[in-house]
Amino acid sequence: MTAVAPHSNRDSWQRIRREMRALLASPEGARAVWMFLLLIAFLAAISGLNVLMSYIGRDFMSAIENRDRGRFLREAWLYVGIFGVATVAAVLYRYLEERLGLLWRSQQTSRLLDRYLRNRAYFHIEEGGGLANPDQRIAEDVRSFTTSTLSFVLMTLNALITVFAFSSVLWSISPRLFGIAVAYALFGSAVASLLGRRLIGLNSLQLDKEANLRAELLHLRENAEPVALQHREELLHQRLLGRLQQLVANSRQMIAVNRNLGFFTNGYNYLIQIIPALIVAPMFMNEEVSFGVVTQSAVAFSFLMGAFSLLVTQFQSISSYAAVAARLGKLLEAFEQADAPQPTPVEVYCEPQRRGLAYEGLSLYRQDGAALVLDLSLEVPAGSRLLVRAGSGHAKIALFRASAGLIQPGAGRIRRPCADQLMFVPERPYLPHGTLRQLLMPGGPLAAPEDAQLLALLKRLRLDHLVPAGSGLDLEQDWTNRLGIGEQLRLVLARVLLTRPALVFLDRLRVSLDPAEQRRMLELLHEYGIGYLLLGKPGDALDLFDQVLDLAPDGSWSLRPASATEPPSPG
């Protein structure tokens, strides 16, 4: 297990403190402050009631000792009344704590979701591969962090109030007992820290290993059909077992540490029950105090030790909390890196008035430094049709991604239209859950099309069967799982046709469409006045294009009219 560097922990906590301050600066900040102040007031009230109950309990037990029936009944009724008030205070306190935790979680999750989607942080994190399971950190770790932070803050405040309230009670009974309580708590905290310090790292690893197992199971569910068709169950079974074994191995280490910690904490807590009796009982036997003082000392000592021994009693929870905080800090660090200016030399300019796409001295490289495209200078006007071919699929994909503004090692400039004037259709189309109307709605300032227009376009694309009778265009469905890959692609192209960009960049349509279907789609784009760049394959019909860009394996390139004599394929 790799130890976490101290400066890394400090950086994580600094980032988290900034996120905590963000709650106060948010529109919900004032409400959160009032709820927190009410919680402190309830804490003080509950602590005061506990002190009062210690005195009532003392008199109650003394009445039993003296066989004073009248006093016994009075103290019993007082007990019942205080129990009722304390119950109301405890329930309202818990209600406020949960509401404040939910408020903070909602604000924090919304803020992190904004940062996750901003500047394509989700893409950079996935491409970098240095941060595991960002989805779990946003969903589960934020929930755990916000509720645990609030809980620990309130527990600490409660401990301070309890120390203030019960120290005088215990000191008035026996200064020696008070000193023993302080020394015993310090000893327990030191030993618990020594025995359980490995739990923080182990808890952090456990969260990742749990998430890795869930990710493998999700992968199997999402790819159930290809797995069944290709009979890859054994491979996935071995991967799942491997993930499970890693999880179990880490859990065994945690269990071993918890065992050692449990030996100490259980013995520590058992001794708390007898220590006050060992000190105060001789005082009772010497008739220095009444029997009720013995029970009051036990109550006061128990409350005071609970406050002093917060680290001992909550060490396992604190270690889990520290692991969650470190993971959340790493997520915030990844967001900061995504927000920072990227070191790539490729300059991508989005120009609002531009409708064509221009490459100026563009060179693209693989991660290992091998050249994919060298010094490409090319103007693609709006409405033009360009076929891009290459001996290496890496070169075409690099050009596609760089044109979309995704990070790609290289040099030179790309000048492109903004917003929806340049659209991209990847090889594997993306269809979010929603209604057909939401999926087809064009981007930008365009007015929403009429239903008749949508239905006519769907019919032309042979997708009219997707509109069930009665529910029309407003039935929400999981389109990715319902539709075949070709239907998904045609649905994405329907939105392109409704948006009418100046250019659309298409990634290898023939992976999803047969040649005849590809021809129909390209002809439809041309009919709508939409230019296109297509990452092609050998055998693509040249009559559908104005020009052909060939990218050679060594990074050189050539541009020629599509009507010119066909040269040897670069592949």
Protein backbone atom coordinates (compact mmCIF):
# COMPACT_ATOMS: atom_id res chain seq x y z
CA MET A 1 0.00 0.00 0.00
CA THR A 2 1.39 3.39 -0.98
CA ALA A 3 1.49 5.95 1.77
CA VAL A 4 -0.13 9.28 1.10
CA ALA A 5 2.33 12.16 1.26
CA PRO A 6 1.63 14.73 4.01
CA HIS A 7 1.69 17.63 1.57
CA SER A 8 -0.86 15.77 -0.57
CA ASN A 9 -3.16 15.47 2.45
CA ARG A 10 -2.72 19.16 3.20
CA ASP A 11 -3.55 20.08 -0.40
CA SER A 12 -6.65 17.88 -0.26
CA TRP A 13 -7.88 19.54 2.93
CA GLN A 14 -7.22 23.01 1.50
CA ARG A 15 -9.32 22.19 -1.56
CA ILE A 16 -12.06 20.77 0.64
CA ARG A 17 -12.06 23.87 2.85
CA ARG A 18 -12.58 25.95 -0.28
CA GLU A 19 -15.56 23.79 -1.18
CA MET A 20 -16.92 24.17 2.37
CA ARG A 21 -16.61 27.95 2.10
CA ALA A 22 -18.47 27.73 -1.21
CA LEU A 23 -21.56 26.61 0.73
CA LEU A 24 -21.52 29.83 2.77
CA ALA A 25 -21.13 31.90 -0.40
CA SER A 26 -23.98 30.08 -2.18
CA PRO A 27 -27.66 31.15 -2.14
CA GLU A 28 -28.26 28.41 0.44
CA GLY A 29 -25.52 29.77 2.72
CA ALA A 30 -27.73 31.92 4.96
CA ARG A 31 -30.21 29.09 5.53
CA ALA A 32 -27.35 26.71 6.31
CA VAL A 33 -25.94 29.13 8.92
CA TRP A 34 -29.31 29.47 10.67
CA MET A 35 -29.80 25.71 10.73
CA PHE A 36 -26.30 25.23 12.16
CA LEU A 37 -26.90 27.83 14.89
CA LEU A 38 -30.15 26.06 15.82
CA LEU A 39 -28.23 22.79 16.04
CA ILE A 40 -25.73 24.35 18.46
CA ALA A 41 -28.63 25.64 20.55
CA PHE A 42 -30.14 22.15 20.68
CA LEU A 43 -26.74 20.70 21.62
CA ALA A 44 -26.45 23.12 24.53
CA ALA A 45 -30.02 22.33 25.61
CA ILE A 46 -29.45 18.57 25.48
CA SER A 47 -26.20 18.87 27.43
CA GLY A 48 -27.93 21.01 30.05
CA LEU A 49 -30.71 18.44 30.35
CA ASN A 50 -28.09 15.69 30.82
CA VAL A 51 -26.49 17.64 33.68
CA LEU A 52 -29.91 18.20 35.22
CA MET A 53 -30.69 14.48 34.91
CA SER A 54 -27.44 13.63 36.71
CA TYR A 55 -28.61 15.64 39.74
CA ILE A 56 -32.14 14.22 39.55
CA GLY A 57 -30.62 10.74 39.33
CA ARG A 58 -28.47 11.46 42.39
CA ASP A 59 -31.48 12.54 44.44
CA PHE A 60 -33.55 9.66 43.06
CA MET A 61 -30.99 7.06 44.20
CA SER A 62 -30.55 8.83 47.57
CA ALA A 63 -34.31 8.67 48.10
CA ILE A 64 -34.17 4.92 47.51
CA GLU A 65 -31.25 4.63 49.93
CA ASN A 66 -33.18 6.56 52.61
CA ARG A 67 -36.50 4.80 51.83
CA ASP A 68 -38.11 8.22 51.34
CA ARG A 69 -41.25 7.33 49.34
CA GLY A 70 -42.46 10.92 48.83
CA ARG A 71 -39.12 12.17 47.55
CA PHE A 72 -38.79 9.04 45.41
CA LEU A 73 -42.08 9.78 43.63
CA ARG A 74 -41.22 13.48 43.12
CA GLU A 75 -37.85 12.62 41.55
CA ALA A 76 -39.47 9.90 39.42
CA TRP A 77 -41.97 12.43 37.99
CA LEU A 78 -39.13 14.86 37.37
CA TYR A 79 -37.28 12.10 35.56
CA VAL A 80 -40.28 11.45 33.30
CA GLY A 81 -40.71 15.16 32.55
CA ILE A 82 -37.04 15.63 31.68
CA PHE A 83 -37.11 12.48 29.53
CA GLY A 84 -40.02 13.94 27.56
CA VAL A 85 -38.28 17.28 26.98
CA ALA A 86 -35.00 15.55 26.09
CA THR A 87 -36.81 13.30 23.60
CA VAL A 88 -38.31 16.29 21.77
CA ALA A 89 -34.94 18.07 21.72
CA ALA A 90 -33.11 14.97 20.45
CA VAL A 91 -35.62 14.31 17.66
CA LEU A 92 -35.58 17.94 16.47
CA TYR A 93 -31.79 17.97 16.66
CA ARG A 94 -31.56 14.87 14.48
CA TYR A 95 -34.12 16.27 12.04
CA LEU A 96 -32.16 19.51 11.64
CA GLU A 97 -28.88 17.62 11.23
CA GLU A 98 -30.31 15.51 8.41
CA ARG A 99 -31.85 18.55 6.69
CA LEU A 100 -28.60 20.50 6.85
CA GLY A 101 -26.64 17.48 5.59
CA LEU A 102 -29.05 17.12 2.67
CA LEU A 103 -28.83 20.84 1.88
CA TRP A 104 -25.05 20.70 1.84
CA ARG A 105 -24.95 17.53 -0.23
CA SER A 106 -27.31 19.00 -2.81
CA GLN A 107 -25.25 22.19 -3.10
CA GLN A 108 -21.92 20.36 -3.18
CA THR A 109 -23.03 17.77 -5.72
CA SER A 110 -24.51 20.44 -8.01
CA ARG A 111 -21.25 22.38 -7.82
CA LEU A 112 -19.12 19.32 -8.60
CA LEU A 113 -21.40 18.28 -11.46
CA ASP A 114 -20.93 21.74 -12.94
CA ARG A 115 -17.16 21.41 -12.67
CA TYR A 116 -17.25 17.83 -14.02
CA LEU A 117 -19.01 18.96 -17.19
CA ARG A 118 -17.20 22.29 -17.55
CA ASN A 119 -14.23 22.42 -19.92
CA ARG A 120 -14.86 18.73 -20.68
CA ALA A 121 -13.28 17.75 -17.38
CA TYR A 122 -15.02 14.36 -17.61
CA PHE A 123 -13.16 13.70 -20.87
CA HIS A 124 -9.74 14.84 -19.62
CA ILE A 125 -10.09 12.75 -16.45
CA GLU A 126 -11.00 9.65 -18.46
CA GLU A 127 -8.23 10.22 -20.99
CA GLY A 128 -5.64 10.85 -18.29
CA GLY A 129 -6.53 7.62 -16.52
CA GLY A 130 -5.02 8.86 -13.25
CA LEU A 131 -8.27 9.10 -11.29
CA ALA A 132 -10.41 6.04 -10.69
CA ASN A 133 -14.20 6.15 -10.43
CA PRO A 134 -14.97 9.91 -10.55
CA ASP A 135 -18.68 9.02 -10.71
CA GLN A 136 -18.51 7.29 -7.33
CA ARG A 137 -16.63 10.24 -5.83
CA ILE A 138 -19.31 12.67 -6.96
CA ALA A 139 -22.27 10.54 -5.91
CA GLU A 140 -21.20 8.49 -2.88
CA ASP A 141 -18.12 10.27 -1.54
CA VAL A 142 -19.86 13.65 -1.51
CA ARG A 143 -22.77 12.14 0.42
CA SER A 144 -20.42 10.52 2.91
CA PHE A 145 -18.22 13.61 3.20
CA THR A 146 -20.99 16.11 3.82
CA THR A 147 -22.91 14.00 6.33
CA SER A 148 -19.73 12.86 8.12
CA THR A 149 -18.24 16.36 8.26
CA LEU A 150 -21.39 17.74 9.79
CA SER A 151 -21.59 14.81 12.19
CA PHE A 152 -17.98 15.17 13.34
CA VAL A 153 -18.26 18.95 13.71
CA LEU A 154 -21.36 18.53 15.85
CA MET A 155 -19.77 15.72 17.85
CA THR A 156 -16.75 17.93 18.54
CA LEU A 157 -18.96 20.83 19.62
CA ASN A 158 -20.99 18.45 21.75
CA ALA A 159 -17.79 17.15 23.32
CA LEU A 160 -16.67 20.71 24.17
CA ILE A 161 -20.07 21.55 25.66
CA THR A 162 -20.09 18.27 27.60
CA VAL A 163 -16.59 18.92 28.97
CA PHE A 164 -17.64 22.39 30.06
CA ALA A 165 -20.88 21.09 31.62
CA PHE A 166 -19.63 17.97 33.41
CA SER A 167 -16.09 18.95 34.43
CA SER A 168 -17.40 21.03 37.32
CA VAL A 169 -19.74 18.18 38.35
CA LEU A 170 -16.93 15.62 38.41
CA TRP A 171 -14.46 18.04 40.04
CA SER A 172 -16.97 18.78 42.81
CA ILE A 173 -17.26 15.03 43.51
CA SER A 174 -13.55 14.18 43.29
CA PRO A 175 -10.68 16.20 41.76
CA ARG A 176 -8.68 12.98 41.61
CA LEU A 177 -11.40 11.30 39.51
CA PHE A 178 -11.36 14.26 37.11
CA GLY A 179 -7.57 13.97 36.70
CA ILE A 180 -7.85 10.23 36.06
CA ALA A 181 -10.48 10.89 33.37
CA VAL A 182 -8.17 13.32 31.53
CA ALA A 183 -5.13 11.02 31.76
CA TYR A 184 -7.09 7.94 30.75
CA ALA A 185 -8.54 9.70 27.68
CA LEU A 186 -5.11 10.93 26.55
CA PHE A 187 -3.67 7.43 26.94
CA GLY A 188 -6.56 5.89 24.99
CA SER A 189 -6.32 8.40 22.14
CA ALA A 190 -2.58 7.81 21.73
CA VAL A 191 -2.90 4.02 21.68
CA ALA A 192 -5.92 4.07 19.31
CA SER A 193 -4.01 6.30 16.86
CA LEU A 194 -1.02 3.97 16.97
CA LEU A 195 -3.07 0.80 16.43
CA GLY A 196 -5.44 2.16 13.80
CA ARG A 197 -3.35 4.53 11.69
CA ARG A 198 -3.24 2.05 8.76
CA LEU A 199 -7.03 2.17 8.46
CA ILE A 200 -7.03 5.49 6.57
CA GLY A 201 -5.04 4.11 3.63
CA LEU A 202 -6.87 0.78 3.71
CA ASN A 203 -10.27 2.51 3.69
CA SER A 204 -9.27 4.57 0.67
CA LEU A 205 -8.16 1.44 -1.18
CA GLN A 206 -11.35 -0.36 -0.19
CA LEU A 207 -13.54 2.34 -1.72
CA ASP A 208 -11.66 2.02 -5.01
CA LYS A 209 -11.79 -1.78 -5.03
CA GLU A 210 -15.54 -1.78 -4.31
CA ALA A 211 -16.04 0.64 -7.19
CA ASN A 212 -13.84 -1.45 -9.52
CA LEU A 213 -15.95 -4.54 -8.86
CA ARG A 214 -19.15 -2.58 -9.55
CA ALA A 215 -17.61 -1.20 -12.76
CA GLU A 216 -16.84 -4.72 -14.03
CA LEU A 217 -20.40 -5.84 -13.26
CA LEU A 218 -21.77 -2.76 -15.05
CA HIS A 219 -19.53 -3.50 -18.03
CA LEU A 220 -20.97 -7.02 -18.21
CA ARG A 221 -24.53 -5.72 -18.04
CA GLU A 222 -23.96 -3.11 -20.75
CA ASN A 223 -22.29 -5.62 -23.06
CA ALA A 224 -24.49 -8.63 -22.34
CA GLU A 225 -25.30 -9.38 -26.00
CA PRO A 226 -21.74 -9.26 -27.46
CA VAL A 227 -20.43 -11.24 -24.48
CA ALA A 228 -23.06 -13.94 -25.09
CA LEU A 229 -22.46 -14.00 -28.85
CA GLN A 230 -18.68 -14.27 -28.52
CA HIS A 231 -18.76 -16.62 -25.51
CA ARG A 232 -16.48 -14.37 -23.44
CA GLU A 233 -18.02 -15.36 -20.12
CA GLU A 234 -14.86 -17.11 -18.91
CA LEU A 235 -12.67 -14.06 -19.47
CA LEU A 236 -15.10 -11.77 -17.68
CA HIS A 237 -15.56 -14.35 -14.94
CA GLN A 238 -11.81 -14.32 -14.31
CA ARG A 239 -11.75 -10.51 -14.26
CA LEU A 240 -14.64 -10.39 -11.81
CA LEU A 241 -12.98 -12.96 -9.58
CA GLY A 242 -9.75 -10.96 -9.73
CA ARG A 243 -11.54 -7.80 -8.64
CA LEU A 244 -13.27 -9.73 -5.88
CA GLN A 245 -10.00 -11.23 -4.65
CA GLN A 246 -8.39 -7.79 -4.50
CA LEU A 247 -11.35 -6.49 -2.52
CA VAL A 248 -11.26 -9.46 -0.14
CA ALA A 249 -7.49 -9.18 0.41
CA ASN A 250 -7.80 -5.52 1.35
CA SER A 251 -10.82 -6.28 3.55
CA ARG A 252 -8.80 -8.91 5.42
CA GLN A 253 -6.17 -6.34 6.25
CA MET A 254 -8.86 -3.94 7.48
CA ILE A 255 -10.44 -6.68 9.59
CA ALA A 256 -7.05 -7.50 11.14
CA VAL A 257 -6.43 -3.86 12.05
CA ASN A 258 -9.98 -3.52 13.40
CA ARG A 259 -9.45 -6.67 15.47
CA ASN A 260 -6.39 -5.20 17.17
CA LEU A 261 -8.14 -1.89 17.63
CA GLY A 262 -11.22 -3.68 18.96
CA PHE A 263 -9.23 -5.48 21.67
CA PHE A 264 -8.11 -2.12 22.98
CA THR A 265 -11.30 -0.07 22.54
CA ASN A 266 -13.56 -2.70 24.11
CA GLY A 267 -11.32 -3.06 27.12
CA TYR A 268 -10.99 0.70 27.30
CA ASN A 269 -14.79 1.16 27.29
CA TYR A 270 -15.36 -1.59 29.89
CA LEU A 271 -12.96 0.07 32.33
CA ILE A 272 -14.87 3.35 32.01
CA GLN A 273 -17.81 1.63 33.77
CA ILE A 274 -15.81 0.65 36.86
CA ILE A 275 -13.23 3.42 37.31
CA PRO A 276 -15.62 5.93 39.00
CA ALA A 277 -16.89 3.23 41.38
CA LEU A 278 -13.31 2.37 42.34
CA ILE A 279 -12.69 5.99 43.31
CA VAL A 280 -16.06 7.07 44.77
CA ALA A 281 -17.22 3.83 46.43
CA PRO A 282 -14.59 4.09 49.23
CA MET A 283 -15.84 7.64 49.84
CA PHE A 284 -19.37 6.28 50.28
CA MET A 285 -18.13 3.53 52.57
CA ASN A 286 -16.40 6.17 54.68
CA GLU A 287 -19.74 8.07 54.75
CA GLU A 288 -18.18 11.06 52.98
CA VAL A 289 -20.86 11.06 50.24
CA SER A 290 -24.36 9.65 49.78
CA PHE A 291 -25.10 6.65 47.57
CA GLY A 292 -26.64 8.94 44.94
CA VAL A 293 -23.24 10.59 44.46
CA VAL A 294 -21.80 7.21 43.42
CA THR A 295 -24.33 6.92 40.59
CA GLN A 296 -23.92 10.61 39.69
CA SER A 297 -20.15 10.16 39.44
CA ALA A 298 -20.64 7.20 37.10
CA VAL A 299 -22.95 9.26 34.88
CA ALA A 300 -20.67 12.33 34.88
CA PHE A 301 -17.55 10.22 34.30
CA SER A 302 -19.25 8.41 31.41
CA PHE A 303 -20.30 11.65 29.70
CA LEU A 304 -16.92 13.26 30.28
CA MET A 305 -15.02 10.23 28.99
CA GLY A 306 -17.27 10.14 25.96
CA ALA A 307 -16.22 13.72 25.23
CA PHE A 308 -12.53 13.23 26.00
CA SER A 309 -12.34 9.89 24.17
CA LEU A 310 -13.87 10.98 20.89
CA LEU A 311 -10.82 9.79 18.95
CA VAL A 312 -10.95 6.34 20.60
CA THR A 313 -14.69 5.73 20.17
CA GLN A 314 -14.89 7.15 16.64
CA PHE A 315 -11.52 6.10 15.23
CA GLN A 316 -12.92 3.70 12.63
CA SER A 317 -15.42 6.31 11.45
CA ILE A 318 -12.72 8.98 11.41
CA SER A 319 -10.40 6.79 9.34
CA SER A 320 -13.18 6.16 6.79
CA TYR A 321 -13.93 9.87 6.74
CA ALA A 322 -10.27 10.77 6.17
CA ALA A 323 -10.13 8.33 3.24
CA VAL A 324 -13.26 9.87 1.69
CA ALA A 325 -11.84 13.37 2.17
CA ALA A 326 -8.59 12.36 0.45
CA ARG A 327 -10.49 10.86 -2.49
CA LEU A 328 -12.63 13.97 -2.79
CA GLY A 329 -9.48 16.09 -2.69
CA LYS A 330 -8.07 14.10 -5.60
CA LEU A 331 -11.26 14.74 -7.56
CA LEU A 332 -11.00 18.47 -6.94
CA GLU A 333 -7.34 18.33 -8.01
CA ALA A 334 -8.39 16.65 -11.26
CA PHE A 335 -10.94 19.43 -11.85
CA GLU A 336 -8.25 22.06 -11.30
CA GLN A 337 -6.00 20.33 -13.81
CA ALA A 338 -8.84 20.23 -16.34
CA ASP A 339 -9.51 23.95 -15.77
CA ALA A 340 -5.82 24.84 -16.19
CA PRO A 341 -4.55 25.86 -19.65
CA GLN A 342 -3.55 22.71 -21.52
CA PRO A 343 0.06 22.39 -22.67
CA THR A 344 -0.85 21.15 -26.16
CA PRO A 345 0.70 23.30 -28.91
CA VAL A 346 -2.34 22.83 -31.17
CA GLU A 347 -4.28 26.10 -31.16
CA VAL A 348 -8.00 25.76 -31.79
CA TYR A 349 -9.88 28.99 -32.48
CA CYS A 350 -13.66 29.19 -32.43
CA GLU A 351 -14.65 32.16 -34.61
CA PRO A 352 -18.35 33.16 -34.44
CA GLN A 353 -18.46 34.57 -37.99
CA ARG A 354 -16.63 31.69 -39.60
CA ARG A 355 -18.57 28.99 -41.44
CA GLY A 356 -15.70 27.03 -42.99
CA LEU A 357 -12.99 24.94 -41.36
CA ALA A 358 -9.29 25.79 -41.82
CA TYR A 359 -6.12 23.89 -40.90
CA GLU A 360 -2.95 26.03 -40.79
CA GLY A 361 0.33 24.13 -40.55
CA LEU A 362 -1.33 21.41 -38.46
CA SER A 363 0.84 18.53 -37.26
CA LEU A 364 -0.50 15.72 -35.09
CA TYR A 365 1.45 13.05 -33.24
CA ARG A 366 0.86 9.88 -31.30
CA GLN A 367 1.60 9.82 -27.58
CA ASP A 368 4.93 8.12 -28.36
CA GLY A 369 5.90 10.97 -30.70
CA ALA A 370 5.29 9.20 -34.02
CA ALA A 371 3.93 11.53 -36.72
CA LEU A 372 0.32 11.09 -37.84
CA VAL A 373 -0.21 14.30 -39.85
CA LEU A 374 2.54 16.75 -40.87
CA ASP A 375 2.05 20.42 -41.74
CA LEU A 376 -1.53 20.16 -43.01
CA SER A 377 -2.78 23.43 -44.49
CA LEU A 378 -6.27 23.17 -45.89
CA GLU A 379 -9.44 25.24 -46.18
CA VAL A 380 -12.79 23.39 -46.05
CA PRO A 381 -15.52 25.88 -47.07
CA ALA A 382 -19.09 25.65 -45.78
CA GLY A 383 -21.15 23.23 -47.83
CA SER A 384 -18.15 21.41 -49.32
CA ARG A 385 -17.76 17.63 -49.30
CA LEU A 386 -14.41 16.15 -48.29
CA LEU A 387 -13.42 12.48 -48.04
CA VAL A 388 -10.55 11.83 -45.61
CA ARG A 389 -8.62 8.59 -46.13
CA ALA A 390 -5.55 7.26 -44.37
CA GLY A 391 -3.44 4.17 -44.15
CA SER A 392 -3.66 4.49 -40.36
CA GLY A 393 -6.92 4.86 -38.50
CA HIS A 394 -5.00 6.76 -35.83
CA ALA A 395 -4.33 9.66 -38.21
CA LYS A 396 -8.01 10.05 -39.12
CA ILE A 397 -9.16 9.84 -35.51
CA ALA A 398 -6.50 12.35 -34.43
CA LEU A 399 -7.73 14.81 -37.05
CA PHE A 400 -11.36 14.23 -36.02
CA ARG A 401 -10.60 14.80 -32.32
CA ALA A 402 -8.35 17.80 -32.86
CA SER A 403 -11.04 19.45 -35.02
CA ALA A 404 -13.51 18.96 -32.17
CA GLY A 405 -11.15 20.74 -29.77
CA LEU A 406 -10.14 17.62 -27.84
CA ILE A 407 -6.57 17.48 -26.58
CA GLN A 408 -4.21 16.00 -29.14
CA PRO A 409 -0.38 16.28 -29.18
CA GLY A 410 0.73 18.38 -32.11
CA ALA A 411 1.34 21.88 -33.47
CA GLY A 412 -0.31 24.45 -35.71
CA ARG A 413 -3.75 26.06 -35.78
CA ILE A 414 -7.33 25.04 -36.42
CA ARG A 415 -9.89 27.75 -37.17
CA ARG A 416 -13.46 26.54 -36.95
CA PRO A 417 -17.06 27.72 -36.61
CA CYS A 418 -18.61 27.98 -33.16
CA ALA A 419 -21.55 26.24 -31.52
CA ASP A 420 -23.66 24.12 -33.83
CA GLN A 421 -22.26 25.46 -37.12
CA LEU A 422 -19.77 22.59 -36.96
CA MET A 423 -21.18 19.30 -35.67
CA PHE A 424 -19.49 15.96 -35.04
CA VAL A 425 -20.98 12.50 -35.42
CA PRO A 426 -18.75 9.83 -33.85
CA GLU A 427 -18.57 6.22 -34.97
CA ARG A 428 -20.53 5.19 -31.89
CA PRO A 429 -23.44 7.66 -31.62
CA TYR A 430 -24.58 8.94 -28.25
CA LEU A 431 -28.29 9.01 -27.42
CA PRO A 432 -29.19 10.13 -23.90
CA HIS A 433 -32.35 8.94 -22.20
CA GLY A 434 -35.26 11.17 -23.15
CA THR A 435 -38.11 11.66 -25.57
CA LEU A 436 -37.77 11.71 -29.33
CA ARG A 437 -38.60 15.40 -29.27
CA GLN A 438 -35.70 16.09 -26.88
CA LEU A 439 -33.29 14.01 -28.96
CA LEU A 440 -34.24 15.76 -32.21
CA MET A 441 -34.43 19.32 -30.90
CA PRO A 442 -31.89 21.39 -32.87
CA GLY A 443 -29.24 23.34 -31.03
CA GLY A 444 -28.56 27.05 -31.13
CA PRO A 445 -31.19 29.76 -31.62
CA LEU A 446 -33.29 27.77 -34.08
CA ALA A 447 -37.00 27.61 -33.37
CA ALA A 448 -38.45 24.27 -32.34
CA PRO A 449 -39.73 22.45 -35.44
CA GLU A 450 -43.38 21.53 -35.84
CA ASP A 451 -44.47 17.97 -35.13
CA ALA A 452 -45.36 17.46 -38.79
CA GLN A 453 -41.82 18.41 -39.80
CA LEU A 454 -40.32 15.99 -37.28
CA LEU A 455 -42.59 13.15 -38.34
CA ALA A 456 -41.88 13.74 -42.03
CA LEU A 457 -38.13 13.65 -41.44
CA LEU A 458 -38.37 10.48 -39.35
CA LYS A 459 -40.38 8.85 -42.11
CA ARG A 460 -37.80 9.83 -44.70
CA LEU A 461 -35.07 8.29 -42.54
CA ARG A 462 -37.20 5.17 -42.06
CA LEU A 463 -37.53 5.86 -38.36
CA ASP A 464 -41.27 6.58 -38.22
CA HIS A 465 -41.82 3.25 -36.42
CA LEU A 466 -40.18 4.87 -33.37
CA VAL A 467 -43.26 7.05 -32.84
CA PRO A 468 -45.82 4.86 -31.04
CA ALA A 469 -49.50 5.56 -31.57
CA GLY A 470 -50.98 7.77 -28.87
CA SER A 471 -47.81 8.93 -27.13
CA GLY A 472 -46.34 10.71 -30.16
CA LEU A 473 -42.91 12.27 -29.74
CA ASP A 474 -43.03 12.59 -25.96
CA LEU A 475 -42.49 9.05 -24.71
CA GLU A 476 -39.23 8.78 -22.76
CA GLN A 477 -37.16 5.67 -23.54
CA ASP A 478 -33.68 4.18 -23.30
CA TRP A 479 -32.86 4.59 -26.98
CA THR A 480 -29.36 3.13 -26.82
CA ASN A 481 -30.65 -0.23 -25.68
CA ARG A 482 -33.78 -0.18 -27.81
CA LEU A 483 -32.25 0.72 -31.18
CA GLY A 484 -29.67 -0.96 -33.37
CA ILE A 485 -26.47 0.94 -34.13
CA GLY A 486 -27.68 1.93 -37.60
CA GLU A 487 -30.95 3.33 -36.25
CA GLN A 488 -29.05 5.23 -33.57
CA LEU A 489 -26.83 6.81 -36.21
CA ARG A 490 -29.78 7.81 -38.40
CA LEU A 491 -31.45 9.40 -35.37
CA VAL A 492 -28.31 11.45 -34.67
CA LEU A 493 -28.21 12.50 -38.33
CA ALA A 494 -31.86 13.58 -38.07
CA ARG A 495 -30.83 16.16 -35.45
CA VAL A 496 -28.00 17.30 -37.73
CA LEU A 497 -30.49 17.83 -40.57
CA LEU A 498 -32.78 19.86 -38.29
CA THR A 499 -29.88 21.98 -36.99
CA ARG A 500 -28.48 22.60 -40.52
CA PRO A 501 -24.84 23.37 -39.61
CA ALA A 502 -22.38 24.69 -42.18
CA LEU A 503 -20.32 21.50 -41.85
CA VAL A 504 -20.60 18.13 -40.16
CA PHE A 505 -17.62 15.87 -39.45
CA LEU A 506 -18.57 12.18 -39.77
CA ASP A 507 -16.57 9.30 -38.37
CA ARG A 508 -16.65 6.13 -40.55
CA LEU A 509 -20.35 5.80 -41.34
CA ARG A 510 -19.85 2.43 -43.02
CA VAL A 511 -19.07 0.84 -39.68
CA SER A 512 -22.78 1.26 -38.85
CA LEU A 513 -24.38 1.68 -42.29
CA ASP A 514 -24.13 -0.37 -45.45
CA PRO A 515 -22.87 1.47 -48.60
CA ALA A 516 -26.39 2.10 -49.91
CA GLU A 517 -27.55 3.54 -46.59
CA GLN A 518 -24.42 5.69 -46.34
CA ARG A 519 -25.12 7.05 -49.83
CA ARG A 520 -28.68 7.97 -48.85
CA MET A 521 -27.47 9.80 -45.73
CA LEU A 522 -24.78 11.78 -47.58
CA GLU A 523 -27.19 12.70 -50.37
CA LEU A 524 -29.67 13.92 -47.77
CA LEU A 525 -27.03 16.10 -46.12
CA HIS A 526 -26.12 17.59 -49.49
CA GLU A 527 -29.80 18.19 -50.27
CA TYR A 528 -30.13 20.17 -47.02
CA GLY A 529 -27.08 22.27 -47.97
CA ILE A 530 -24.88 20.79 -45.24
CA GLY A 531 -21.22 20.23 -46.06
CA TYR A 532 -19.50 17.16 -44.68
CA LEU A 533 -16.10 15.69 -43.95
CA LEU A 534 -16.16 11.90 -43.83
CA LEU A 535 -13.50 9.63 -42.42
CA GLY A 536 -13.70 7.08 -45.19
CA LYS A 537 -12.70 3.56 -46.06
CA PRO A 538 -11.52 1.94 -49.29
CA GLY A 539 -14.43 1.55 -51.66
CA ASP A 540 -16.28 4.76 -50.72
CA ALA A 541 -18.07 6.21 -53.76
CA LEU A 542 -16.10 9.29 -54.89
CA ASP A 543 -19.06 10.88 -56.72
CA LEU A 544 -20.42 11.92 -53.30
CA PHE A 545 -17.40 14.19 -52.65
CA ASP A 546 -15.75 17.29 -54.07
CA GLN A 547 -12.25 16.52 -52.85
CA VAL A 548 -10.24 13.67 -51.33
CA LEU A 549 -7.63 14.14 -48.61
CA ASP A 550 -5.18 11.23 -48.40
CA LEU A 551 -3.02 10.92 -45.27
CA ALA A 552 0.07 8.76 -45.78
CA PRO A 553 1.57 6.55 -43.06
CA ASP A 554 4.59 8.87 -42.75
CA GLY A 555 2.34 11.88 -41.99
CA SER A 556 2.50 13.45 -45.45
CA TRP A 557 -0.74 14.31 -47.21
CA SER A 558 -2.20 15.05 -50.61
CA LEU A 559 -5.39 16.77 -51.75
CA ARG A 560 -7.03 16.20 -55.09
CA PRO A 561 -10.44 16.59 -56.73
CA ALA A 562 -12.65 13.56 -56.28
CA SER A 563 -13.21 13.46 -60.03
CA ALA A 564 -9.49 12.99 -60.74
CA THR A 565 -8.02 9.59 -61.59
CA GLU A 566 -7.90 7.35 -58.53
CA PRO A 567 -4.30 6.94 -57.23
CA PRO A 568 -3.15 3.87 -55.31
CA SER A 569 -4.79 3.65 -51.88
CA PRO A 570 -2.62 5.09 -49.06
CA GLY A 571 -3.34 1.96 -47.04
